[in-house]
Protein backbone atom coordinates (compact mmCIF):
# COMPACT_ATOMS: atom_id res chain seq x y z
CA UNK A 1 16.77 19.85 -13.91
CA UNK A 2 17.51 22.98 -11.94
CA UNK A 3 17.37 23.17 -8.16
CA UNK A 4 14.15 25.22 -8.04
CA UNK A 5 12.19 22.70 -10.12
CA UNK A 6 13.50 19.83 -8.01
CA UNK A 7 12.39 21.68 -4.89
CA UNK A 8 8.91 22.27 -6.34
CA UNK A 9 8.70 18.54 -7.03
CA UNK A 10 9.72 17.75 -3.47
CA UNK A 11 6.98 20.01 -2.17
CA UNK A 12 4.38 18.39 -4.45
CA UNK A 13 5.45 14.98 -3.18
CA UNK A 14 5.32 16.16 0.45
CA UNK A 15 1.75 17.40 0.07
CA UNK A 16 0.60 14.11 -1.43
CA UNK A 17 2.50 12.11 1.18
CA UNK A 18 1.01 14.12 4.06
CA UNK A 19 -2.54 13.57 2.81
CA UNK A 20 -2.12 9.84 2.08
CA UNK A 21 -2.94 7.02 4.46
CA UNK A 22 0.05 5.34 6.11
CA UNK A 23 0.35 1.99 7.84
CA UNK A 24 0.55 1.89 11.62
CA UNK A 25 4.12 0.61 11.70
CA UNK A 26 7.57 1.34 13.07
CA UNK A 27 9.54 3.20 10.36
CA UNK A 28 12.91 3.17 12.11
CA UNK A 29 16.13 1.22 11.63
CA UNK A 30 16.94 -1.81 13.76
CA UNK A 31 18.95 0.58 15.93
CA UNK A 32 15.92 2.82 16.43
CA UNK A 33 16.91 5.69 14.12
CA UNK A 34 14.17 7.48 12.20
CA UNK A 35 14.34 7.26 8.40
CA UNK A 36 12.73 9.56 5.86
CA UNK A 37 9.96 8.17 3.63
CA UNK A 38 11.98 9.11 0.52
CA UNK A 39 15.40 10.51 -0.28
CA UNK A 40 16.46 12.84 -3.09
CA UNK A 41 18.93 15.55 -4.05
CA UNK A 42 20.16 17.85 -1.34
CA UNK A 43 18.31 21.20 -1.14
CA UNK A 44 19.70 23.61 -3.71
CA UNK A 45 21.32 20.86 -5.79
CA UNK A 46 20.66 20.71 -9.54
CA UNK A 47 20.62 17.22 -11.11
CA UNK A 48 20.78 16.78 -14.87
CA UNK A 49 18.00 14.50 -16.10
CA UNK A 50 16.22 14.37 -12.74
CA UNK A 51 12.86 14.60 -14.55
CA UNK A 52 13.46 10.98 -15.62
CA UNK A 53 13.83 9.95 -11.95
CA UNK A 54 11.37 12.24 -10.19
CA UNK A 55 9.47 11.54 -6.99
CA UNK A 56 7.30 8.57 -5.95
CA UNK A 57 3.70 8.91 -7.07
CA UNK A 58 4.54 11.38 -9.83
CA UNK A 59 4.95 10.93 -13.60
CA UNK A 60 6.93 9.13 -14.99
CA UNK A 61 6.59 6.87 -11.91
CA UNK A 62 10.17 5.61 -12.10
CA UNK A 63 10.24 5.63 -8.30
CA UNK A 64 6.83 4.03 -7.78
CA UNK A 65 3.13 4.63 -8.22
CA UNK A 66 2.36 5.99 -4.75
CA UNK A 67 3.97 8.82 -2.78
CA UNK A 68 4.10 6.63 0.32
CA UNK A 69 5.83 3.64 -1.26
CA UNK A 70 5.27 0.63 0.99
CA UNK A 71 4.56 2.89 3.96
CA UNK A 72 1.02 3.17 2.63
CA UNK A 73 0.55 -0.47 1.72
CA UNK A 74 3.02 -3.31 1.45
CA UNK A 75 3.13 -5.60 -1.54
CA UNK A 76 0.59 -8.44 -1.62
CA UNK A 77 2.04 -11.83 -0.69
CA UNK A 78 0.45 -13.98 -3.38
CA UNK A 79 1.60 -17.61 -3.37
CA UNK A 80 1.09 -19.64 -6.58
CA UNK A 81 -0.39 -23.05 -5.85
CA UNK A 82 -2.39 -25.83 -7.42
CA UNK A 83 -2.14 -29.61 -7.60
CA UNK A 84 -4.32 -32.68 -7.74
CA UNK A 85 -8.03 -31.99 -7.53
CA UNK A 86 -9.91 -28.92 -6.34
CA UNK A 87 -10.32 -30.25 -2.79
CA UNK A 88 -6.57 -30.84 -2.33
CA UNK A 89 -5.71 -27.38 -3.65
CA UNK A 90 -8.39 -25.79 -1.47
CA UNK A 91 -6.64 -27.27 1.57
CA UNK A 92 -3.30 -25.77 0.43
CA UNK A 93 -4.98 -22.36 -0.06
CA UNK A 94 -6.34 -22.46 3.46
CA UNK A 95 -2.84 -23.21 4.76
CA UNK A 96 -1.41 -20.25 2.81
CA UNK A 97 -4.08 -17.84 4.09
CA UNK A 98 -3.81 -19.06 7.67
CA UNK A 99 -0.02 -18.63 7.50
CA UNK A 100 -0.37 -14.99 6.51
CA UNK A 101 -0.67 -15.03 2.72
CA UNK A 102 -2.55 -12.02 1.36
CA UNK A 103 -3.85 -13.41 -1.93
CA UNK A 104 -4.21 -16.58 -3.96
CA UNK A 105 -2.75 -17.50 -7.34
CA UNK A 106 -4.13 -20.54 -9.14
CA UNK A 107 -1.89 -22.98 -11.00
CA UNK A 108 -3.83 -25.20 -13.42
CA UNK A 109 -2.86 -28.62 -14.75
CA UNK A 110 -1.87 -29.12 -18.40
CA UNK A 111 -5.26 -30.42 -19.64
CA UNK A 112 -6.96 -27.34 -18.18
CA UNK A 113 -4.32 -25.03 -19.68
CA UNK A 114 -4.98 -26.58 -23.09
CA UNK A 115 -8.79 -26.56 -22.79
CA UNK A 116 -9.36 -30.32 -22.42
CA UNK A 117 -11.54 -32.17 -19.93
CA UNK A 118 -9.98 -34.66 -17.55
CA UNK A 119 -11.68 -37.55 -19.36
CA UNK A 120 -10.27 -36.57 -22.75
CA UNK A 121 -7.80 -39.09 -24.21
CA UNK A 122 -5.25 -36.26 -24.55
CA UNK A 123 -5.37 -35.73 -20.77
CA UNK A 124 -4.27 -39.23 -19.84
CA UNK A 125 -1.47 -39.17 -17.27
CA UNK A 126 -1.50 -35.37 -16.86
CA UNK A 127 -4.54 -34.69 -14.66
CA UNK A 128 -3.57 -32.78 -11.51
CA UNK A 129 0.18 -33.16 -12.04
CA UNK A 130 1.38 -29.59 -12.72
CA UNK A 131 -1.58 -27.77 -11.21
CA UNK A 132 -5.20 -28.24 -10.25
CA UNK A 133 -7.71 -29.93 -12.57
CA UNK A 134 -10.77 -27.77 -13.33
CA UNK A 135 -13.46 -29.21 -15.59
CA UNK A 136 -16.54 -27.15 -14.71
CA UNK A 137 -18.01 -24.51 -12.42
CA UNK A 138 -18.61 -27.24 -9.83
CA UNK A 139 -14.84 -27.75 -9.54
CA UNK A 140 -14.36 -24.01 -9.15
CA UNK A 141 -16.90 -24.03 -6.30
CA UNK A 142 -14.88 -26.69 -4.49
CA UNK A 143 -11.60 -24.88 -5.20
CA UNK A 144 -12.78 -21.80 -3.29
CA UNK A 145 -15.04 -23.47 -0.72
CA UNK A 146 -14.86 -21.55 2.56
CA UNK A 147 -12.80 -18.79 0.94
CA UNK A 148 -14.90 -15.61 0.51
CA UNK A 149 -14.26 -14.48 -3.06
CA UNK A 150 -15.60 -11.02 -2.27
CA UNK A 151 -12.76 -10.51 0.23
CA UNK A 152 -9.74 -12.38 -1.19
CA UNK A 153 -7.96 -11.27 -4.35
CA UNK A 154 -7.38 -14.15 -6.71
CA UNK A 155 -4.99 -14.43 -9.63
CA UNK A 156 -5.41 -17.16 -12.24
CA UNK A 157 -2.50 -18.12 -14.47
CA UNK A 158 -4.12 -19.30 -17.67
CA UNK A 159 -4.26 -17.85 -21.18
CA UNK A 160 -5.76 -20.02 -23.94
CA UNK A 161 -8.99 -20.97 -22.09
CA UNK A 162 -8.88 -17.94 -19.81
CA UNK A 163 -12.34 -16.64 -20.74
CA UNK A 164 -14.33 -19.82 -19.96
CA UNK A 165 -12.27 -20.31 -16.77
CA UNK A 166 -13.14 -16.73 -15.78
CA UNK A 167 -16.82 -17.50 -16.40
CA UNK A 168 -16.52 -20.48 -14.03
CA UNK A 169 -14.95 -18.20 -11.43
CA UNK A 170 -17.86 -15.75 -11.79
CA UNK A 171 -20.38 -18.55 -11.39
CA UNK A 172 -18.55 -19.83 -8.30
CA UNK A 173 -18.79 -16.31 -6.84
CA UNK A 174 -22.52 -16.18 -7.66
CA UNK A 175 -23.04 -19.50 -5.88
CA UNK A 176 -21.29 -18.05 -2.82
CA UNK A 177 -23.78 -15.16 -2.95
CA UNK A 178 -21.06 -12.67 -3.91
CA UNK A 179 -21.91 -9.80 -6.24
CA UNK A 180 -19.49 -10.15 -9.17
CA UNK A 181 -19.16 -6.35 -9.27
CA UNK A 182 -17.05 -6.44 -6.08
CA UNK A 183 -14.60 -9.11 -7.24
CA UNK A 184 -10.93 -8.18 -7.27
CA UNK A 185 -8.12 -10.13 -8.83
CA UNK A 186 -6.23 -10.83 -12.01
CA UNK A 187 -6.67 -13.14 -14.98
CA UNK A 188 -3.63 -13.73 -17.14
CA UNK A 189 -5.41 -14.00 -20.53
CA UNK A 190 -2.27 -12.79 -22.39
CA UNK A 191 -2.28 -14.88 -25.57
CA UNK A 192 0.61 -13.13 -27.31
CA UNK A 193 3.14 -14.54 -24.84
CA UNK A 194 1.88 -18.01 -25.68
CA UNK A 195 2.89 -17.64 -29.33
CA UNK A 196 6.12 -15.90 -28.29
CA UNK A 197 7.26 -18.26 -25.53
CA UNK A 198 4.98 -20.72 -23.73
CA UNK A 199 3.17 -22.32 -26.71
CA UNK A 200 -0.18 -23.00 -25.01
CA UNK A 201 -2.82 -21.64 -27.40
CA UNK A 202 -6.14 -23.00 -28.71
CA UNK A 203 -6.67 -21.11 -31.96
CA UNK A 204 -4.99 -18.63 -34.27
CA UNK A 205 -4.27 -15.20 -32.71
CA UNK A 206 -7.25 -13.32 -34.19
CA UNK A 207 -10.07 -15.34 -32.51
CA UNK A 208 -8.18 -15.23 -29.23
CA UNK A 209 -8.05 -11.45 -29.54
CA UNK A 210 -11.79 -11.47 -30.23
CA UNK A 211 -12.42 -13.22 -26.90
CA UNK A 212 -10.01 -10.94 -25.05
CA UNK A 213 -11.74 -7.85 -26.41
CA UNK A 214 -15.11 -9.18 -25.20
CA UNK A 215 -13.64 -9.83 -21.76
CA UNK A 216 -12.03 -6.38 -21.51
CA UNK A 217 -15.34 -4.69 -22.36
CA UNK A 218 -17.32 -6.89 -19.96
CA UNK A 219 -15.05 -6.16 -17.00
CA UNK A 220 -14.72 -2.44 -17.77
CA UNK A 221 -18.50 -2.16 -17.67
CA UNK A 222 -19.38 -4.33 -14.70
CA UNK A 223 -16.39 -5.51 -12.63
CA UNK A 224 -14.33 -2.34 -12.17
CA UNK A 225 -11.72 -3.59 -9.68
CA UNK A 226 -10.96 -6.80 -11.56
CA UNK A 227 -7.99 -6.88 -13.95
CA UNK A 228 -8.98 -9.13 -16.84
CA UNK A 229 -5.62 -9.08 -18.58
CA UNK A 230 -2.25 -9.66 -16.94
CA UNK A 231 0.43 -9.24 -19.58
CA UNK A 232 3.11 -11.79 -18.84
CA UNK A 233 6.82 -11.39 -19.33
CA UNK A 234 7.56 -14.17 -16.86
CA UNK A 235 7.25 -16.98 -19.39
CA UNK A 236 9.24 -15.00 -21.96
CA UNK A 237 12.14 -14.70 -19.51
CA UNK A 238 11.86 -18.33 -18.45
CA UNK A 239 12.20 -19.32 -22.12
CA UNK A 240 15.65 -17.69 -22.18
CA UNK A 241 15.08 -14.01 -23.03
CA UNK A 242 17.36 -11.29 -21.71
CA UNK A 243 16.06 -8.70 -19.25
CA UNK A 244 15.64 -6.14 -22.06
CA UNK A 245 13.83 -8.65 -24.27
CA UNK A 246 11.51 -9.62 -21.43
CA UNK A 247 10.71 -5.98 -20.79
CA UNK A 248 10.27 -4.97 -24.44
CA UNK A 249 8.23 -7.96 -25.62
CA UNK A 250 5.97 -7.71 -22.56
CA UNK A 251 5.29 -3.99 -22.88
CA UNK A 252 4.80 -4.32 -26.64
CA UNK A 253 2.15 -6.97 -25.94
CA UNK A 254 0.55 -4.53 -23.52
CA UNK A 255 0.53 -1.77 -26.14
CA UNK A 256 -1.16 -4.18 -28.57
CA UNK A 257 -3.93 -4.85 -26.03
CA UNK A 258 -4.36 -1.08 -25.67
CA UNK A 259 -4.80 -0.93 -29.45
CA UNK A 260 -7.36 -3.73 -29.13
CA UNK A 261 -9.33 -1.81 -26.52
CA UNK A 262 -9.27 1.36 -28.59
CA UNK A 263 -10.42 -0.58 -31.67
CA UNK A 264 -13.46 -1.68 -29.61
CA UNK A 265 -14.31 1.95 -28.93
CA UNK A 266 -13.39 1.69 -25.26
CA UNK A 267 -12.17 4.72 -23.31
CA UNK A 268 -8.47 4.27 -22.56
CA UNK A 269 -8.88 5.93 -19.16
CA UNK A 270 -11.55 3.33 -18.30
CA UNK A 271 -10.04 0.08 -19.60
CA UNK A 272 -6.30 0.70 -19.18
CA UNK A 273 -6.45 0.43 -15.36
CA UNK A 274 -7.67 -3.15 -15.95
CA UNK A 275 -4.31 -4.09 -17.47
CA UNK A 276 -1.63 -5.45 -15.18
CA UNK A 277 1.76 -7.07 -15.75
CA UNK A 278 3.65 -10.14 -14.57
CA UNK A 279 7.45 -10.11 -14.53
CA UNK A 280 10.27 -12.48 -13.67
CA UNK A 281 12.76 -11.59 -10.93
CA UNK A 282 16.06 -13.15 -11.97
CA UNK A 283 19.43 -13.31 -10.24
CA UNK A 284 21.24 -10.22 -11.55
CA UNK A 285 20.15 -8.11 -8.61
CA UNK A 286 20.67 -4.59 -9.88
CA UNK A 287 19.65 -5.33 -13.47
CA UNK A 288 16.29 -6.61 -12.23
CA UNK A 289 15.68 -3.51 -10.09
CA UNK A 290 16.50 -1.32 -13.09
CA UNK A 291 14.16 -3.36 -15.30
CA UNK A 292 11.19 -2.78 -13.01
CA UNK A 293 11.90 0.96 -12.73
CA UNK A 294 12.31 1.31 -16.51
CA UNK A 295 9.06 -0.59 -17.09
CA UNK A 296 7.00 1.96 -15.14
CA UNK A 297 8.66 4.87 -16.92
CA UNK A 298 8.21 3.47 -20.43
CA UNK A 299 4.58 2.48 -19.87
CA UNK A 300 3.62 5.86 -18.45
CA UNK A 301 5.24 7.73 -21.34
CA UNK A 302 3.66 5.59 -24.07
CA UNK A 303 0.24 5.66 -22.42
CA UNK A 304 0.29 9.43 -22.08
CA UNK A 305 2.02 10.48 -25.29
CA UNK A 306 0.96 7.78 -27.77
CA UNK A 307 -2.41 6.58 -26.50
CA UNK A 308 -3.70 9.77 -24.87
CA UNK A 309 -4.28 8.44 -21.35
CA UNK A 310 -5.05 11.37 -19.07
CA UNK A 311 -5.53 9.84 -15.62
CA UNK A 312 -2.80 8.60 -13.32
CA UNK A 313 -4.35 5.13 -13.06
CA UNK A 314 -4.40 4.74 -16.84
CA UNK A 315 -0.67 5.58 -16.93
CA UNK A 316 0.28 3.31 -14.04
CA UNK A 317 2.06 0.04 -14.68
CA UNK A 318 0.97 -2.33 -11.92
CA UNK A 319 2.88 -5.57 -11.79
CA UNK A 320 3.15 -8.90 -10.03
CA UNK A 321 6.54 -10.59 -9.76
CA UNK A 322 7.54 -14.21 -9.42
CA UNK A 323 11.06 -15.30 -8.62
CA UNK A 324 12.85 -17.11 -11.44
CA UNK A 325 11.94 -20.76 -11.71
CA UNK A 326 14.66 -21.24 -14.30
CA UNK A 327 17.31 -20.15 -11.78
CA UNK A 328 16.49 -23.04 -9.44
CA UNK A 329 18.81 -26.05 -9.54
CA UNK A 330 18.22 -29.71 -8.80
CA UNK A 331 21.79 -29.87 -7.50
CA UNK A 332 22.09 -28.63 -3.90
CA UNK A 333 18.42 -27.55 -3.81
CA UNK A 334 18.71 -25.69 -0.49
CA UNK A 335 20.76 -23.08 -2.36
CA UNK A 336 17.45 -22.21 -4.02
CA UNK A 337 16.26 -20.59 -0.78
CA UNK A 338 19.10 -18.07 -1.08
CA UNK A 339 18.46 -17.48 -4.79
CA UNK A 340 14.78 -16.90 -4.16
CA UNK A 341 15.43 -14.45 -1.32
CA UNK A 342 17.80 -12.37 -3.47
CA UNK A 343 15.34 -12.33 -6.37
CA UNK A 344 12.45 -11.40 -4.08
CA UNK A 345 14.48 -8.53 -2.65
CA UNK A 346 15.14 -7.17 -6.14
CA UNK A 347 11.40 -7.22 -6.86
CA UNK A 348 10.66 -5.34 -3.64
CA UNK A 349 13.38 -2.74 -4.24
CA UNK A 350 11.97 -2.38 -7.76
CA UNK A 351 8.53 -1.59 -6.34
CA UNK A 352 6.49 -4.70 -7.15
CA UNK A 353 2.79 -4.60 -6.23
CA UNK A 354 2.56 -8.31 -5.44
CA UNK A 355 5.02 -11.15 -5.20
CA UNK A 356 5.29 -14.93 -5.37
CA UNK A 357 8.39 -16.68 -4.07
CA UNK A 358 9.27 -20.06 -5.55
CA UNK A 359 9.84 -23.09 -3.35
CA UNK A 360 13.23 -24.76 -3.08
CA UNK A 361 11.98 -28.07 -4.54
CA UNK A 362 10.07 -26.72 -7.57
CA UNK A 363 12.76 -27.80 -10.00
CA UNK A 364 11.99 -31.40 -8.94
CA UNK A 365 8.23 -31.41 -8.34
CA UNK A 366 5.31 -29.35 -7.14
CA UNK A 367 6.15 -27.73 -3.78
CA UNK A 368 5.83 -29.76 -0.63
CA UNK A 369 3.95 -28.14 2.23
CA UNK A 370 7.19 -27.44 4.11
CA UNK A 371 8.86 -25.90 1.05
CA UNK A 372 5.78 -23.76 0.39
CA UNK A 373 5.93 -22.47 3.98
CA UNK A 374 9.63 -21.54 3.63
CA UNK A 375 8.83 -19.65 0.42
CA UNK A 376 6.07 -17.75 2.20
CA UNK A 377 8.28 -17.00 5.21
CA UNK A 378 10.94 -15.61 2.85
CA UNK A 379 8.57 -12.79 1.91
CA UNK A 380 7.48 -12.26 5.49
CA UNK A 381 11.09 -11.92 6.70
CA UNK A 382 11.72 -9.31 3.98
CA UNK A 383 8.55 -7.45 4.89
CA UNK A 384 8.76 -7.58 8.67
CA UNK A 385 12.47 -7.68 9.56
CA UNK A 386 14.65 -5.96 6.94
CA UNK A 387 13.34 -2.38 6.85
CA UNK A 388 13.01 -2.44 3.04
CA UNK A 389 9.39 -1.25 3.27
CA UNK A 390 10.31 1.92 5.18
CA UNK A 391 11.61 4.02 2.28
CA UNK A 392 10.24 4.47 -1.24
CA UNK A 393 12.72 3.53 -4.00
CA UNK A 394 15.73 3.44 -1.66
CA UNK A 395 18.18 2.93 -4.55
CA UNK A 396 16.86 5.89 -6.55
CA UNK A 397 19.70 8.24 -7.48
CA UNK A 398 22.33 5.49 -7.39
CA UNK A 399 24.65 6.15 -10.32
CA UNK A 400 24.73 2.45 -11.15
CA UNK A 401 20.99 1.81 -10.84
CA UNK A 402 20.07 4.94 -12.81
CA UNK A 403 22.56 4.08 -15.57
CA UNK A 404 21.15 0.54 -15.78
CA UNK A 405 17.59 1.89 -15.83
CA UNK A 406 18.45 4.21 -18.74
CA UNK A 407 20.27 1.45 -20.62
CA UNK A 408 17.45 -1.09 -20.36
CA UNK A 409 14.98 1.60 -21.44
CA UNK A 410 17.10 2.37 -24.51
CA UNK A 411 17.40 -1.31 -25.40
CA UNK A 412 13.65 -1.75 -25.06
CA UNK A 413 12.92 1.26 -27.26
CA UNK A 414 15.17 -0.18 -29.97
CA UNK A 415 13.16 -3.42 -29.87
CA UNK A 416 9.87 -1.49 -30.06
CA UNK A 417 11.15 0.15 -33.23
CA UNK A 418 11.88 -3.23 -34.79
CA UNK A 419 8.33 -4.37 -33.97
CA UNK A 420 6.86 -1.15 -35.38
CA UNK A 421 8.88 -1.62 -38.56
CA UNK A 422 7.33 -5.07 -39.00
CA UNK A 423 3.82 -3.65 -38.64
CA UNK A 424 4.28 -0.51 -40.66
CA UNK A 425 2.30 -1.80 -43.65
CA UNK A 426 -0.88 -2.57 -41.68
CA UNK A 427 -2.32 0.27 -39.63
CA UNK A 428 -5.90 -1.03 -39.66
CA UNK A 429 -5.34 -3.22 -36.60
CA UNK A 430 -2.70 -0.96 -35.05
CA UNK A 431 1.02 -0.87 -35.86
CA UNK A 432 2.19 -2.60 -32.68
CA UNK A 433 -0.42 -5.37 -33.04
CA UNK A 434 0.48 -5.81 -36.71
CA UNK A 435 4.18 -5.98 -35.86
CA UNK A 436 3.62 -8.60 -33.16
CA UNK A 437 1.45 -10.73 -35.45
CA UNK A 438 4.09 -10.50 -38.19
CA UNK A 439 6.84 -11.40 -35.71
CA UNK A 440 4.84 -14.41 -34.51
CA UNK A 441 4.17 -15.60 -38.06
CA UNK A 442 7.83 -15.23 -39.04
CA UNK A 443 9.06 -16.96 -35.89
CA UNK A 444 11.08 -13.82 -35.10
CA UNK A 445 10.35 -13.75 -31.36
CA UNK A 446 11.12 -17.45 -31.00
CA UNK A 447 14.39 -17.06 -32.86
CA UNK A 448 15.53 -14.05 -30.84
CA UNK A 449 14.80 -15.78 -27.53
CA UNK A 450 16.45 -19.01 -28.70
CA UNK A 451 19.62 -17.11 -29.60
CA UNK A 452 19.73 -15.39 -26.20
CA UNK A 453 19.17 -18.72 -24.42
CA UNK A 454 21.92 -20.38 -26.48
CA UNK A 455 24.42 -17.66 -25.67
CA UNK A 456 23.67 -17.90 -21.94
CA UNK A 457 23.95 -21.69 -21.96
CA UNK A 458 27.29 -21.46 -23.73
CA UNK A 459 28.57 -19.06 -21.08
CA UNK A 460 27.51 -21.50 -18.33
CA UNK A 461 29.17 -24.46 -20.05
CA UNK A 462 32.38 -22.48 -20.55
CA UNK A 463 32.32 -21.41 -16.90
CA UNK A 464 32.03 -17.70 -17.71
CA UNK A 465 28.71 -17.57 -15.85
CA UNK A 466 29.02 -19.51 -12.61
CA UNK A 467 26.17 -21.45 -11.01
CA UNK A 468 26.91 -22.69 -7.50
CA UNK A 469 26.51 -26.44 -7.22
CA UNK A 470 26.38 -26.86 -11.01
CA UNK A 471 29.63 -25.65 -12.58
CA UNK A 472 31.39 -24.54 -9.38
CA UNK A 473 31.46 -25.61 -5.71
CA UNK A 474 29.90 -29.01 -6.56
CA UNK A 475 30.60 -30.88 -3.30
CA UNK A 476 27.63 -31.12 -0.95
CA UNK A 477 26.27 -32.90 2.11
CA UNK A 478 22.63 -32.25 1.13
CA UNK A 479 20.46 -35.37 1.45
CA UNK A 480 17.85 -36.29 -1.15
CA UNK A 481 14.64 -34.28 -0.76
CA UNK A 482 11.24 -35.72 0.01
CA UNK A 483 9.07 -34.37 -2.82
CA UNK A 484 5.35 -34.10 -3.41
CA UNK A 485 3.98 -36.83 -5.67
CA UNK A 486 0.46 -36.68 -7.10
CA UNK A 487 -1.22 -40.09 -7.12
CA UNK A 488 -2.78 -41.35 -10.35
CA UNK A 489 -5.82 -42.08 -8.19
CA UNK A 490 -6.49 -38.32 -8.44
CA UNK A 491 -7.05 -38.69 -12.18
CA UNK A 492 -9.31 -41.68 -11.83
CA UNK A 493 -11.44 -39.92 -9.19
CA UNK A 494 -11.58 -36.67 -11.20
CA UNK A 495 -12.80 -38.56 -14.27
CA UNK A 496 -15.40 -40.45 -12.23
CA UNK A 497 -16.83 -37.28 -10.67
CA UNK A 498 -16.84 -35.49 -14.02
CA UNK A 499 -18.85 -38.26 -15.66
CA UNK A 500 -21.35 -38.27 -12.78
CA UNK A 501 -21.83 -34.52 -13.20
CA UNK A 502 -22.38 -34.91 -16.93
CA UNK A 503 -24.98 -37.64 -16.30
CA UNK A 504 -26.84 -35.49 -13.76
CA UNK A 505 -27.06 -32.16 -15.60
CA UNK A 506 -29.69 -30.68 -17.96
CA UNK A 507 -28.29 -31.52 -21.40
CA UNK A 508 -30.77 -29.27 -23.18
CA UNK A 509 -29.60 -26.27 -21.14
CA UNK A 510 -25.96 -27.09 -21.88
CA UNK A 511 -26.65 -27.38 -25.63
CA UNK A 512 -28.66 -24.14 -25.63
CA UNK A 513 -25.83 -22.28 -23.91
CA UNK A 514 -23.20 -23.60 -26.34
CA UNK A 515 -25.38 -22.83 -29.36
CA UNK A 516 -25.97 -19.26 -28.13
CA UNK A 517 -22.22 -18.85 -27.60
CA UNK A 518 -21.48 -19.93 -31.19
CA UNK A 519 -24.24 -17.66 -32.50
CA UNK A 520 -22.58 -14.73 -30.71
CA UNK A 521 -19.23 -15.75 -32.19
CA UNK A 522 -20.73 -15.50 -35.69
CA UNK A 523 -22.73 -12.32 -35.13
CA UNK A 524 -20.01 -10.28 -33.46
CA UNK A 525 -21.95 -9.84 -30.22
CA UNK A 526 -20.22 -10.33 -26.86
CA UNK A 527 -19.62 -13.99 -26.16
CA UNK A 528 -19.41 -13.56 -22.38
CA UNK A 529 -23.16 -13.65 -21.47
CA UNK A 530 -23.97 -16.85 -23.43
CA UNK A 531 -20.76 -18.49 -22.23
CA UNK A 532 -21.82 -17.71 -18.66
CA UNK A 533 -25.19 -19.35 -19.32
CA UNK A 534 -23.43 -22.46 -20.62
CA UNK A 535 -21.19 -22.56 -17.54
CA UNK A 536 -24.17 -22.16 -15.20
CA UNK A 537 -25.66 -25.26 -16.86
CA UNK A 538 -22.36 -27.11 -16.06
CA UNK A 539 -20.99 -27.12 -19.60
CA UNK A 540 -17.40 -28.30 -19.23
CA UNK A 541 -14.23 -26.52 -20.23
CA UNK A 542 -13.54 -29.12 -22.92
CA UNK A 543 -17.03 -28.79 -24.39
CA UNK A 544 -16.73 -25.01 -24.62
CA UNK A 545 -13.22 -25.07 -26.08
CA UNK A 546 -13.95 -27.90 -28.52
CA UNK A 547 -17.00 -26.05 -29.82
CA UNK A 548 -14.81 -23.01 -30.46
CA UNK A 549 -12.09 -25.15 -32.06
CA UNK A 550 -14.65 -26.49 -34.50
CA UNK A 551 -15.81 -22.94 -35.23
CA UNK A 552 -12.39 -21.27 -35.53
CA UNK A 553 -9.97 -24.09 -36.25
CA UNK A 554 -6.58 -24.65 -34.64
CA UNK A 555 -3.18 -23.08 -35.25
CA UNK A 556 0.22 -24.38 -36.30
CA UNK A 557 3.19 -22.06 -35.83
CA UNK A 558 5.89 -21.41 -38.39
CA UNK A 559 9.00 -22.00 -36.32
CA UNK A 560 12.20 -20.22 -37.35
CA UNK A 561 15.65 -20.36 -35.74
């Protein structure tokens, strides 16, 4: 790009920056020196390929979505939490908010993730152990008691039963007297990543997509700020994928959901802003920064050039980041504080919109209260003390970072082409969607991730990749940690309360709601309104999901390695 065009871009950025709202904060170094809000080429300097880097707030958004960077608004500190019953988790949420957390992120237990009630035989021994147990709207009320849902953004990490859980969240908001139209938050909902990596689905892909399409339309029409679909690469990376695989599989899933919205007749400029993303921040510091920058650039280009998105918001890739759980070690667990801080810093320098930092003891158990506080303070130290929020994309223009950004983008595009090749024969549902479905059926994604994970594990065992406390520097004076243990009394109490609620509800209203939901499933009408009616009558998660299992059947994957 020639010097004149670069200068015109700088002037466009300056105008947008001057008119944007900035935080009332000290934007100087620790020594008191003023710093510019963004840095770029020297005046009069031509830079080949600068159009791929650009300025913050300008297509292709490599350097961030907003001209102000974090000077306008810092990332949201969103701590992931959930254990035991709704009351116990509510107390942890209050601690997080009182300690300065900016948003909540709900972790559900395994029965909830799989759509089973706490009194189901399949739930025995698992209730409340890896997250909070939610059986009905009454539990959701308790979960957010004293927390104004109209004011706090809430993320919920659940995919298979995401739609009925969302209905319970809406009913909890109604019972607080909150207009659902003002709700703001994120629901994961991404079912493709379940077949690719996490393996927590209820049905075959097609009925899940049916539910997701209903949810996208419902939120686009009536809950404009809420993001009903967070496309998750986190679980793909945790399963062993490389950075390029995480990026490519995640964005391809996102493109498939765009095809789904278009197939429903939705306006891409209306529904695309309701898509958000969830990435892993791993330990290769510069590679992770490059991954985040490449993700924004790829998404913007595909949304504009392939799907016809015209507005900035429809081209924006908004993403949440969580530090890498798989990088945590049981050996010398206090080293995990350092790992988490480095990973969090890469997410911030990559321009994340919100962030969760893992606790040092999560490889052993759910976080203790002290470990959760340290994880929260890690973000606050980065935000308040390091100066990283003073400058937008401070590593932009680095030869190394730009080369890594280009390389990851090229690797991702090669993977997209492989997916498109798989879906080339079926354009009725969209070529990306068809390619993903074919890849799932063939076990291609699973095999590719398994191979990447195997190669990494080999490199660790050979000592080529070094992990402190595991295959190098093993000596330690660290004492054994006190970890959080969830009592089995939680399960017994949850089951008791659930059965009391079932005994005290209007069974006819529950049955009517479930029957109307199944009628909508057969007719093609939106399933959200009748599902909401069932939830208002205290139909349980297991009852809703089991009714749909009977209607749609279950799914068995074809594994291939």
